[in-house]
């Protein structure tokens, strides 16, 4: 199958569009990639570009007009990996012209989108790509987080956690200032070489919502994650926390208990690579497109039209 992927292709192999493309390629499909933000006159050109393809996959796509998507008669998948406090009308206006909507949040929020767009919708996770991680040589960091500076986006949990962690001498925060942002293999190396990576979202109360950060961490190392509702259905072995004090206690515990931490690390990595690899996620997505349902991930909610 010839698939056109229209997303944010920046050259970073950890980007969600890239890991999805890798999965479809692993299934034997021929992939063409377009960065819509860097394609001049994308709304004029896309209907013509799309004609020879069997499937179009749009990642985010805020710059692509709804009328442009309506003109494209090829089957279309629209995926959205962010979360905001309210349903995003710009997402609804685009997804309603597509054949399948994929979201990294489930529960009531996914139902709200499905009811608004009146199209099949399914929960999914941005997949991992195991080849991006080196073998562990030696640890470099005790505690690691990668993400943007503090902001007013989301709930207060992320700011509380990061403010507290930032007081620790053994904490590395990549991305706190622009010069410390890590991408590509440097990012993968840092994850592998960290004893503990801490996963925290901007929004932490939505059912099963996780940014791709947790997948990045869990494919390469040991993770402590905020206890997002439904987390235990997604990951069996990742220890969770609900308060800053609980996080600090677990950091101290797992830094001291190396053998237990390393045993869990192995289980987390194995589960993530087996469950959430790109090839299996691509198969799941194509199942959902064809029938509205898939048996590959019984822990994922799917809402046919």
C-alpha atoms as a PDB file:
ATOM      1  CA  UNK A   1       0.000   0.000   0.000  1.00  0.00           C
ATOM      2  CA  UNK A   2       1.196   3.517  -0.816  1.00  0.00           C
ATOM      3  CA  UNK A   3       0.770   5.747   2.235  1.00  0.00           C
ATOM      4  CA  UNK A   4       1.209   9.525   2.354  1.00  0.00           C
ATOM      5  CA  UNK A   5       2.076  10.768   5.843  1.00  0.00           C
ATOM      6  CA  UNK A   6       1.472  14.461   6.406  1.00  0.00           C
ATOM      7  CA  UNK A   7       2.956  15.523   9.715  1.00  0.00           C
ATOM      8  CA  UNK A   8       5.755  17.290  11.560  1.00  0.00           C
ATOM      9  CA  UNK A   9       8.777  15.568  10.070  1.00  0.00           C
ATOM     10  CA  UNK A  10      11.750  17.428  11.533  1.00  0.00           C
ATOM     11  CA  UNK A  11      14.488  14.824  11.178  1.00  0.00           C
ATOM     12  CA  UNK A  12      14.227  13.762  14.829  1.00  0.00           C
ATOM     13  CA  UNK A  13      13.731   9.950  14.840  1.00  0.00           C
ATOM     14  CA  UNK A  14      11.834  10.150  18.153  1.00  0.00           C
ATOM     15  CA  UNK A  15       9.051  12.286  16.647  1.00  0.00           C
ATOM     16  CA  UNK A  16       5.684  10.536  16.661  1.00  0.00           C
ATOM     17  CA  UNK A  17       5.253  10.828  12.894  1.00  0.00           C
ATOM     18  CA  UNK A  18       8.653   9.197  12.366  1.00  0.00           C
ATOM     19  CA  UNK A  19       8.011   6.250  14.694  1.00  0.00           C
ATOM     20  CA  UNK A  20       4.630   5.620  13.071  1.00  0.00           C
ATOM     21  CA  UNK A  21       6.222   5.755   9.619  1.00  0.00           C
ATOM     22  CA  UNK A  22       8.822   3.243  10.772  1.00  0.00           C
ATOM     23  CA  UNK A  23       6.031   0.879  11.860  1.00  0.00           C
ATOM     24  CA  UNK A  24       4.179   1.056   8.545  1.00  0.00           C
ATOM     25  CA  UNK A  25       7.423   0.548   6.662  1.00  0.00           C
ATOM     26  CA  UNK A  26       8.109  -2.539   8.802  1.00  0.00           C
ATOM     27  CA  UNK A  27       4.785  -3.927   7.517  1.00  0.00           C
ATOM     28  CA  UNK A  28       6.020  -3.491   3.958  1.00  0.00           C
ATOM     29  CA  UNK A  29       4.097  -0.350   3.008  1.00  0.00           C
ATOM     30  CA  UNK A  30       5.674   2.387   0.891  1.00  0.00           C
ATOM     31  CA  UNK A  31       5.762   5.662   2.822  1.00  0.00           C
ATOM     32  CA  UNK A  32       6.034   9.225   1.538  1.00  0.00           C
ATOM     33  CA  UNK A  33       6.539  11.933   4.181  1.00  0.00           C
ATOM     34  CA  UNK A  34       5.516  15.594   4.006  1.00  0.00           C
ATOM     35  CA  UNK A  35       6.137  18.260   6.642  1.00  0.00           C
ATOM     36  CA  UNK A  36       3.012  20.367   6.124  1.00  0.00           C
ATOM     37  CA  UNK A  37       4.469  23.358   7.953  1.00  0.00           C
ATOM     38  CA  UNK A  38       7.342  23.548   5.485  1.00  0.00           C
ATOM     39  CA  UNK A  39       5.402  22.795   2.298  1.00  0.00           C
ATOM     40  CA  UNK A  40       4.441  26.010   0.468  1.00  0.00           C
ATOM     41  CA  UNK A  41       0.768  26.306  -0.492  1.00  0.00           C
ATOM     42  CA  UNK A  42      -0.011  23.006   1.244  1.00  0.00           C
ATOM     43  CA  UNK A  43      -3.772  23.552   1.062  1.00  0.00           C
ATOM     44  CA  UNK A  44      -3.651  24.130  -2.677  1.00  0.00           C
ATOM     45  CA  UNK A  45      -1.276  21.278  -3.408  1.00  0.00           C
ATOM     46  CA  UNK A  46      -2.361  18.516  -1.006  1.00  0.00           C
ATOM     47  CA  UNK A  47      -5.514  17.329  -2.883  1.00  0.00           C
ATOM     48  CA  UNK A  48      -3.399  16.803  -6.000  1.00  0.00           C
ATOM     49  CA  UNK A  49      -0.468  15.241  -4.132  1.00  0.00           C
ATOM     50  CA  UNK A  50      -2.835  12.784  -2.397  1.00  0.00           C
ATOM     51  CA  UNK A  51      -4.435  11.327  -5.524  1.00  0.00           C
ATOM     52  CA  UNK A  52      -1.987   8.440  -6.220  1.00  0.00           C
ATOM     53  CA  UNK A  53      -2.013   7.178  -2.620  1.00  0.00           C
ATOM     54  CA  UNK A  54      -4.068   4.459  -0.963  1.00  0.00           C
ATOM     55  CA  UNK A  55      -4.107   6.089   2.473  1.00  0.00           C
ATOM     56  CA  UNK A  56      -3.344   9.498   4.018  1.00  0.00           C
ATOM     57  CA  UNK A  57      -2.223   9.794   7.663  1.00  0.00           C
ATOM     58  CA  UNK A  58      -2.308  13.295   9.159  1.00  0.00           C
ATOM     59  CA  UNK A  59      -0.457  14.092  12.361  1.00  0.00           C
ATOM     60  CA  UNK A  60      -1.766  17.175  14.196  1.00  0.00           C
ATOM     61  CA  UNK A  61      -2.378  19.128  10.949  1.00  0.00           C
ATOM     62  CA  UNK A  62      -3.498  22.459  12.377  1.00  0.00           C
ATOM     63  CA  UNK A  63      -2.366  24.284   9.213  1.00  0.00           C
ATOM     64  CA  UNK A  64      -4.378  22.017   6.903  1.00  0.00           C
ATOM     65  CA  UNK A  65      -7.824  23.456   6.247  1.00  0.00           C
ATOM     66  CA  UNK A  66     -10.955  21.318   6.769  1.00  0.00           C
ATOM     67  CA  UNK A  67     -12.055  22.145   3.214  1.00  0.00           C
ATOM     68  CA  UNK A  68      -8.752  20.726   1.963  1.00  0.00           C
ATOM     69  CA  UNK A  69      -9.382  17.435   3.745  1.00  0.00           C
ATOM     70  CA  UNK A  70     -12.958  17.349   2.421  1.00  0.00           C
ATOM     71  CA  UNK A  71     -11.632  17.506  -1.141  1.00  0.00           C
ATOM     72  CA  UNK A  72      -9.384  14.463  -0.649  1.00  0.00           C
ATOM     73  CA  UNK A  73     -11.301  11.264  -1.448  1.00  0.00           C
ATOM     74  CA  UNK A  74      -8.513   8.880  -0.422  1.00  0.00           C
ATOM     75  CA  UNK A  75      -9.109   7.224   3.026  1.00  0.00           C
ATOM     76  CA  UNK A  76      -7.741   9.489   5.743  1.00  0.00           C
ATOM     77  CA  UNK A  77      -6.565   8.936   9.324  1.00  0.00           C
ATOM     78  CA  UNK A  78      -6.166  11.901  11.678  1.00  0.00           C
ATOM     79  CA  UNK A  79      -4.151  11.550  14.895  1.00  0.00           C
ATOM     80  CA  UNK A  80      -3.760  13.984  17.766  1.00  0.00           C
ATOM     81  CA  UNK A  81      -1.217  13.394  20.505  1.00  0.00           C
ATOM     82  CA  UNK A  82      -1.658  16.459  22.720  1.00  0.00           C
ATOM     83  CA  UNK A  83      -4.151  17.242  25.460  1.00  0.00           C
ATOM     84  CA  UNK A  84      -5.878  20.458  26.472  1.00  0.00           C
ATOM     85  CA  UNK A  85      -8.447  21.278  29.114  1.00  0.00           C
ATOM     86  CA  UNK A  86     -11.306  21.320  26.605  1.00  0.00           C
ATOM     87  CA  UNK A  87     -12.109  19.529  23.367  1.00  0.00           C
ATOM     88  CA  UNK A  88     -10.279  21.399  20.613  1.00  0.00           C
ATOM     89  CA  UNK A  89     -12.666  22.690  17.963  1.00  0.00           C
ATOM     90  CA  UNK A  90      -9.912  22.908  15.363  1.00  0.00           C
ATOM     91  CA  UNK A  91      -9.239  19.175  15.863  1.00  0.00           C
ATOM     92  CA  UNK A  92     -12.956  18.357  15.531  1.00  0.00           C
ATOM     93  CA  UNK A  93     -13.286  20.439  12.366  1.00  0.00           C
ATOM     94  CA  UNK A  94     -10.495  18.472  10.694  1.00  0.00           C
ATOM     95  CA  UNK A  95     -11.152  14.999  12.093  1.00  0.00           C
ATOM     96  CA  UNK A  96     -14.792  15.054  10.916  1.00  0.00           C
ATOM     97  CA  UNK A  97     -13.500  14.914   7.338  1.00  0.00           C
ATOM     98  CA  UNK A  98     -11.391  11.815   8.023  1.00  0.00           C
ATOM     99  CA  UNK A  99     -12.257   8.122   8.267  1.00  0.00           C
ATOM    100  CA  UNK A 100     -10.602   7.413  11.624  1.00  0.00           C
ATOM    101  CA  UNK A 101      -9.569   9.605  14.558  1.00  0.00           C
ATOM    102  CA  UNK A 102      -6.775   8.445  16.853  1.00  0.00           C
ATOM    103  CA  UNK A 103      -6.075  10.078  20.210  1.00  0.00           C
ATOM    104  CA  UNK A 104      -3.602   9.474  23.027  1.00  0.00           C
ATOM    105  CA  UNK A 105      -6.383  10.022  25.564  1.00  0.00           C
ATOM    106  CA  UNK A 106      -9.243   7.638  26.244  1.00  0.00           C
ATOM    107  CA  UNK A 107     -12.366   7.594  28.407  1.00  0.00           C
ATOM    108  CA  UNK A 108     -14.778  10.509  28.403  1.00  0.00           C
ATOM    109  CA  UNK A 109     -12.488  12.780  26.403  1.00  0.00           C
ATOM    110  CA  UNK A 110     -12.208  10.276  23.530  1.00  0.00           C
ATOM    111  CA  UNK A 111     -15.987   9.805  23.614  1.00  0.00           C
ATOM    112  CA  UNK A 112     -16.470  13.584  23.395  1.00  0.00           C
ATOM    113  CA  UNK A 113     -14.327  13.732  20.284  1.00  0.00           C
ATOM    114  CA  UNK A 114     -16.078  10.744  18.729  1.00  0.00           C
ATOM    115  CA  UNK A 115     -19.519  12.222  19.371  1.00  0.00           C
ATOM    116  CA  UNK A 116     -18.419  15.571  17.908  1.00  0.00           C
ATOM    117  CA  UNK A 117     -16.826  14.237  14.746  1.00  0.00           C
ATOM    118  CA  UNK A 118     -19.293  11.356  14.211  1.00  0.00           C
ATOM    119  CA  UNK A 119     -16.490   9.174  12.892  1.00  0.00           C
ATOM    120  CA  UNK A 120     -14.794   6.050  14.315  1.00  0.00           C
ATOM    121  CA  UNK A 121     -12.326   6.938  17.060  1.00  0.00           C
ATOM    122  CA  UNK A 122      -9.765   4.887  18.961  1.00  0.00           C
ATOM    123  CA  UNK A 123      -7.208   5.276  21.704  1.00  0.00           C
ATOM    124  CA  UNK A 124      -3.608   4.647  20.715  1.00  0.00           C
ATOM    125  CA  UNK A 125      -0.087   5.291  21.928  1.00  0.00           C
ATOM    126  CA  UNK A 126       2.740   6.730  19.892  1.00  0.00           C
ATOM    127  CA  UNK A 127       4.970   3.659  19.383  1.00  0.00           C
ATOM    128  CA  UNK A 128       8.554   3.018  20.405  1.00  0.00           C
ATOM    129  CA  UNK A 129      11.504   2.292  18.154  1.00  0.00           C
ATOM    130  CA  UNK A 130      13.996   0.021  19.916  1.00  0.00           C
ATOM    131  CA  UNK A 131      16.831   0.665  17.441  1.00  0.00           C
ATOM    132  CA  UNK A 132      17.202   4.228  18.755  1.00  0.00           C
ATOM    133  CA  UNK A 133      18.719   3.104  22.060  1.00  0.00           C
ATOM    134  CA  UNK A 134      22.304   1.956  22.679  1.00  0.00           C
ATOM    135  CA  UNK A 135      23.248  -0.805  25.106  1.00  0.00           C
ATOM    136  CA  UNK A 136      23.873   0.379  28.651  1.00  0.00           C
ATOM    137  CA  UNK A 137      27.553   0.978  29.288  1.00  0.00           C
ATOM    138  CA  UNK A 138      27.428   2.892  32.555  1.00  0.00           C
ATOM    139  CA  UNK A 139      25.011   5.238  34.280  1.00  0.00           C
ATOM    140  CA  UNK A 140      25.490   8.976  33.867  1.00  0.00           C
ATOM    141  CA  UNK A 141      22.465  10.399  35.725  1.00  0.00           C
ATOM    142  CA  UNK A 142      20.583   9.430  38.857  1.00  0.00           C
ATOM    143  CA  UNK A 143      17.277  11.141  37.988  1.00  0.00           C
ATOM    144  CA  UNK A 144      16.299  12.449  34.538  1.00  0.00           C
ATOM    145  CA  UNK A 145      13.475  14.415  32.946  1.00  0.00           C
ATOM    146  CA  UNK A 146      13.197  15.852  29.453  1.00  0.00           C
ATOM    147  CA  UNK A 147      10.642  18.532  28.749  1.00  0.00           C
ATOM    148  CA  UNK A 148       9.881  22.206  28.348  1.00  0.00           C
ATOM    149  CA  UNK A 149      10.272  24.882  31.055  1.00  0.00           C
ATOM    150  CA  UNK A 150       7.576  25.466  33.649  1.00  0.00           C
ATOM    151  CA  UNK A 151       4.421  27.058  32.272  1.00  0.00           C
ATOM    152  CA  UNK A 152       0.754  27.630  33.067  1.00  0.00           C
ATOM    153  CA  UNK A 153      -0.298  24.899  30.635  1.00  0.00           C
ATOM    154  CA  UNK A 154      -2.083  22.005  32.317  1.00  0.00           C
ATOM    155  CA  UNK A 155      -2.588  21.226  35.984  1.00  0.00           C
ATOM    156  CA  UNK A 156      -0.313  22.071  38.911  1.00  0.00           C
ATOM    157  CA  UNK A 157       1.170  18.578  39.314  1.00  0.00           C
ATOM    158  CA  UNK A 158       3.938  18.924  36.728  1.00  0.00           C
ATOM    159  CA  UNK A 159       5.171  22.221  38.158  1.00  0.00           C
ATOM    160  CA  UNK A 160       5.096  20.867  41.716  1.00  0.00           C
ATOM    161  CA  UNK A 161       7.071  17.763  40.747  1.00  0.00           C
ATOM    162  CA  UNK A 162       9.675  19.603  38.676  1.00  0.00           C
ATOM    163  CA  UNK A 163      10.168  22.386  41.223  1.00  0.00           C
ATOM    164  CA  UNK A 164      10.882  19.759  43.866  1.00  0.00           C
ATOM    165  CA  UNK A 165      13.143  17.632  41.673  1.00  0.00           C
ATOM    166  CA  UNK A 166      15.070  20.713  40.601  1.00  0.00           C
ATOM    167  CA  UNK A 167      16.270  21.089  44.188  1.00  0.00           C
ATOM    168  CA  UNK A 168      18.082  17.746  44.017  1.00  0.00           C
ATOM    169  CA  UNK A 169      21.796  17.650  43.244  1.00  0.00           C
ATOM    170  CA  UNK A 170      21.422  14.420  41.265  1.00  0.00           C
ATOM    171  CA  UNK A 171      18.632  15.594  38.912  1.00  0.00           C
ATOM    172  CA  UNK A 172      19.158  16.378  35.210  1.00  0.00           C
ATOM    173  CA  UNK A 173      16.461  18.368  33.401  1.00  0.00           C
ATOM    174  CA  UNK A 174      16.990  18.419  29.644  1.00  0.00           C
ATOM    175  CA  UNK A 175      14.986  21.253  28.115  1.00  0.00           C
ATOM    176  CA  UNK A 176      14.717  23.517  31.146  1.00  0.00           C
ATOM    177  CA  UNK A 177      16.454  26.098  28.975  1.00  0.00           C
ATOM    178  CA  UNK A 178      16.663  25.913  25.162  1.00  0.00           C
ATOM    179  CA  UNK A 179      20.394  25.131  25.100  1.00  0.00           C
ATOM    180  CA  UNK A 180      19.801  21.877  27.037  1.00  0.00           C
ATOM    181  CA  UNK A 181      17.185  20.355  24.699  1.00  0.00           C
ATOM    182  CA  UNK A 182      18.149  16.839  23.594  1.00  0.00           C
ATOM    183  CA  UNK A 183      17.073  15.171  20.359  1.00  0.00           C
ATOM    184  CA  UNK A 184      17.886  12.077  18.375  1.00  0.00           C
ATOM    185  CA  UNK A 185      20.541   9.687  19.591  1.00  0.00           C
ATOM    186  CA  UNK A 186      21.713  12.120  22.291  1.00  0.00           C
ATOM    187  CA  UNK A 187      18.234  11.869  23.809  1.00  0.00           C
ATOM    188  CA  UNK A 188      18.176   8.066  23.597  1.00  0.00           C
ATOM    189  CA  UNK A 189      21.631   7.867  25.170  1.00  0.00           C
ATOM    190  CA  UNK A 190      20.561  10.033  28.097  1.00  0.00           C
ATOM    191  CA  UNK A 191      17.532   7.839  28.803  1.00  0.00           C
ATOM    192  CA  UNK A 192      19.598   4.643  28.789  1.00  0.00           C
ATOM    193  CA  UNK A 193      22.260   6.205  31.006  1.00  0.00           C
ATOM    194  CA  UNK A 194      19.782   7.423  33.654  1.00  0.00           C
ATOM    195  CA  UNK A 195      19.030   5.256  36.673  1.00  0.00           C
ATOM    196  CA  UNK A 196      15.537   6.752  36.952  1.00  0.00           C
ATOM    197  CA  UNK A 197      13.491   8.739  34.418  1.00  0.00           C
ATOM    198  CA  UNK A 198      10.444  10.568  35.765  1.00  0.00           C
ATOM    199  CA  UNK A 199       7.316  10.725  33.593  1.00  0.00           C
ATOM    200  CA  UNK A 200       4.912  13.589  34.237  1.00  0.00           C
ATOM    201  CA  UNK A 201       2.422  15.206  31.812  1.00  0.00           C
ATOM    202  CA  UNK A 202       1.096  18.734  31.573  1.00  0.00           C
ATOM    203  CA  UNK A 203      -2.343  17.154  32.136  1.00  0.00           C
ATOM    204  CA  UNK A 204      -2.534  14.201  34.534  1.00  0.00           C
ATOM    205  CA  UNK A 205      -6.212  13.574  35.262  1.00  0.00           C
ATOM    206  CA  UNK A 206      -7.440  12.474  31.828  1.00  0.00           C
ATOM    207  CA  UNK A 207      -8.006   8.727  31.460  1.00  0.00           C
ATOM    208  CA  UNK A 208      -4.912   7.001  30.042  1.00  0.00           C
ATOM    209  CA  UNK A 209      -3.474  10.226  28.654  1.00  0.00           C
ATOM    210  CA  UNK A 210       0.264   9.951  28.180  1.00  0.00           C
ATOM    211  CA  UNK A 211       2.527  11.941  25.949  1.00  0.00           C
ATOM    212  CA  UNK A 212       5.108   9.957  24.018  1.00  0.00           C
ATOM    213  CA  UNK A 213       7.608  10.743  26.801  1.00  0.00           C
ATOM    214  CA  UNK A 214       6.628   7.640  28.760  1.00  0.00           C
ATOM    215  CA  UNK A 215       7.112   5.437  25.698  1.00  0.00           C
ATOM    216  CA  UNK A 216      10.542   6.978  25.090  1.00  0.00           C
ATOM    217  CA  UNK A 217      11.569   6.335  28.686  1.00  0.00           C
ATOM    218  CA  UNK A 218      10.061   2.869  29.008  1.00  0.00           C
ATOM    219  CA  UNK A 219      11.722   1.595  25.842  1.00  0.00           C
ATOM    220  CA  UNK A 220      15.165   2.520  27.151  1.00  0.00           C
ATOM    221  CA  UNK A 221      15.224   2.419  30.927  1.00  0.00           C
ATOM    222  CA  UNK A 222      13.623   2.471  34.372  1.00  0.00           C
ATOM    223  CA  UNK A 223      10.656   4.819  34.855  1.00  0.00           C
ATOM    224  CA  UNK A 224       8.735   6.319  37.745  1.00  0.00           C
ATOM    225  CA  UNK A 225       5.445   7.691  36.377  1.00  0.00           C
ATOM    226  CA  UNK A 226       2.642   9.808  37.745  1.00  0.00           C
ATOM    227  CA  UNK A 227      -0.391   7.593  38.374  1.00  0.00           C
ATOM    228  CA  UNK A 228      -2.566   8.770  35.492  1.00  0.00           C
ATOM    229  CA  UNK A 229      -6.007   7.080  35.643  1.00  0.00           C
ATOM    230  CA  UNK A 230      -5.792   3.774  33.784  1.00  0.00           C
ATOM    231  CA  UNK A 231      -1.982   3.620  33.881  1.00  0.00           C
ATOM    232  CA  UNK A 232      -1.935   0.062  35.256  1.00  0.00           C
ATOM    233  CA  UNK A 233      -3.842  -1.130  32.176  1.00  0.00           C
ATOM    234  CA  UNK A 234      -1.102   0.209  29.921  1.00  0.00           C
ATOM    235  CA  UNK A 235       2.043  -0.774  31.830  1.00  0.00           C
ATOM    236  CA  UNK A 236       2.244  -3.674  34.281  1.00  0.00           C
ATOM    237  CA  UNK A 237       5.698  -2.991  35.721  1.00  0.00           C
ATOM    238  CA  UNK A 238       6.154   0.796  35.909  1.00  0.00           C
ATOM    239  CA  UNK A 239       6.016   2.026  39.538  1.00  0.00           C
ATOM    240  CA  UNK A 240       3.747   5.047  39.968  1.00  0.00           C
ATOM    241  CA  UNK A 241       3.393   7.951  42.389  1.00  0.00           C
ATOM    242  CA  UNK A 242       0.539  10.289  43.328  1.00  0.00           C
ATOM    243  CA  UNK A 243       2.331  12.931  45.410  1.00  0.00           C
ATOM    244  CA  UNK A 244       5.693  14.680  45.403  1.00  0.00           C
ATOM    245  CA  UNK A 245       6.596  13.063  48.713  1.00  0.00           C
ATOM    246  CA  UNK A 246       5.775   9.608  47.365  1.00  0.00           C
ATOM    247  CA  UNK A 247       7.946  10.307  44.336  1.00  0.00           C
ATOM    248  CA  UNK A 248      10.889  11.371  46.504  1.00  0.00           C
ATOM    249  CA  UNK A 249      10.507   8.278  48.663  1.00  0.00           C
ATOM    250  CA  UNK A 250      10.490   6.008  45.613  1.00  0.00           C
ATOM    251  CA  UNK A 251      13.492   7.779  44.088  1.00  0.00           C
ATOM    252  CA  UNK A 252      15.467   7.194  47.270  1.00  0.00           C
ATOM    253  CA  UNK A 253      14.289   3.603  47.500  1.00  0.00           C
ATOM    254  CA  UNK A 254      15.141   2.619  43.934  1.00  0.00           C
ATOM    255  CA  UNK A 255      18.502   4.423  43.987  1.00  0.00           C
ATOM    256  CA  UNK A 256      19.440   2.365  47.045  1.00  0.00           C
ATOM    257  CA  UNK A 257      17.981  -0.935  45.807  1.00  0.00           C
ATOM    258  CA  UNK A 258      19.871  -1.364  42.575  1.00  0.00           C
ATOM    259  CA  UNK A 259      19.139  -5.040  41.941  1.00  0.00           C
ATOM    260  CA  UNK A 260      15.379  -4.546  42.320  1.00  0.00           C
ATOM    261  CA  UNK A 261      15.511  -1.484  40.095  1.00  0.00           C
ATOM    262  CA  UNK A 262      17.482  -3.278  37.392  1.00  0.00           C
ATOM    263  CA  UNK A 263      15.087  -6.236  37.448  1.00  0.00           C
ATOM    264  CA  UNK A 264      12.137  -3.889  36.960  1.00  0.00           C
ATOM    265  CA  UNK A 265      14.053  -1.982  34.301  1.00  0.00           C
ATOM    266  CA  UNK A 266      14.386  -5.159  32.259  1.00  0.00           C
ATOM    267  CA  UNK A 267      10.684  -5.954  32.605  1.00  0.00           C
ATOM    268  CA  UNK A 268       9.628  -2.414  31.641  1.00  0.00           C
ATOM    269  CA  UNK A 269      11.806  -2.374  28.537  1.00  0.00           C
ATOM    270  CA  UNK A 270      10.703  -5.856  27.447  1.00  0.00           C
ATOM    271  CA  UNK A 271       6.996  -5.093  27.888  1.00  0.00           C
ATOM    272  CA  UNK A 272       7.269  -1.784  26.020  1.00  0.00           C
ATOM    273  CA  UNK A 273       9.179  -3.231  23.068  1.00  0.00           C
ATOM    274  CA  UNK A 274       6.808  -6.171  22.755  1.00  0.00           C
ATOM    275  CA  UNK A 275       3.524  -4.288  23.192  1.00  0.00           C
ATOM    276  CA  UNK A 276       4.121  -0.862  21.768  1.00  0.00           C
ATOM    277  CA  UNK A 277       6.486  -1.311  18.847  1.00  0.00           C
ATOM    278  CA  UNK A 278       5.740   0.496  15.592  1.00  0.00           C
ATOM    279  CA  UNK A 279       4.876  -2.590  13.568  1.00  0.00           C
ATOM    280  CA  UNK A 280       2.206  -3.790  15.983  1.00  0.00           C
ATOM    281  CA  UNK A 281       0.788  -0.288  16.408  1.00  0.00           C
ATOM    282  CA  UNK A 282       0.533   0.090  12.629  1.00  0.00           C
ATOM    283  CA  UNK A 283      -1.358  -3.219  12.414  1.00  0.00           C
ATOM    284  CA  UNK A 284      -3.744  -1.983  15.130  1.00  0.00           C
ATOM    285  CA  UNK A 285      -4.362   1.282  13.261  1.00  0.00           C
ATOM    286  CA  UNK A 286      -5.136  -0.500   9.996  1.00  0.00           C
ATOM    287  CA  UNK A 287      -7.525  -2.859  11.812  1.00  0.00           C
ATOM    288  CA  UNK A 288      -9.369   0.135  13.271  1.00  0.00           C
ATOM    289  CA  UNK A 289      -9.561   1.770   9.855  1.00  0.00           C
ATOM    290  CA  UNK A 290     -10.947  -1.367   8.226  1.00  0.00           C
ATOM    291  CA  UNK A 291     -13.524  -2.417  10.834  1.00  0.00           C
ATOM    292  CA  UNK A 292     -13.528   0.160  13.633  1.00  0.00           C
ATOM    293  CA  UNK A 293     -12.062  -2.426  16.021  1.00  0.00           C
ATOM    294  CA  UNK A 294      -8.910  -4.419  16.691  1.00  0.00           C
ATOM    295  CA  UNK A 295      -8.102  -7.327  18.998  1.00  0.00           C
ATOM    296  CA  UNK A 296      -4.411  -6.448  19.167  1.00  0.00           C
ATOM    297  CA  UNK A 297      -4.796  -4.153  22.180  1.00  0.00           C
ATOM    298  CA  UNK A 298      -7.662  -5.217  24.456  1.00  0.00           C
ATOM    299  CA  UNK A 299      -6.554  -2.441  26.842  1.00  0.00           C
ATOM    300  CA  UNK A 300      -7.303   0.219  24.186  1.00  0.00           C
ATOM    301  CA  UNK A 301     -10.798   1.686  23.880  1.00  0.00           C
ATOM    302  CA  UNK A 302     -12.284   1.848  20.394  1.00  0.00           C
ATOM    303  CA  UNK A 303     -15.514   3.551  19.378  1.00  0.00           C
ATOM    304  CA  UNK A 304     -16.843   2.625  15.929  1.00  0.00           C
ATOM    305  CA  UNK A 305     -19.171   5.194  14.392  1.00  0.00           C
END
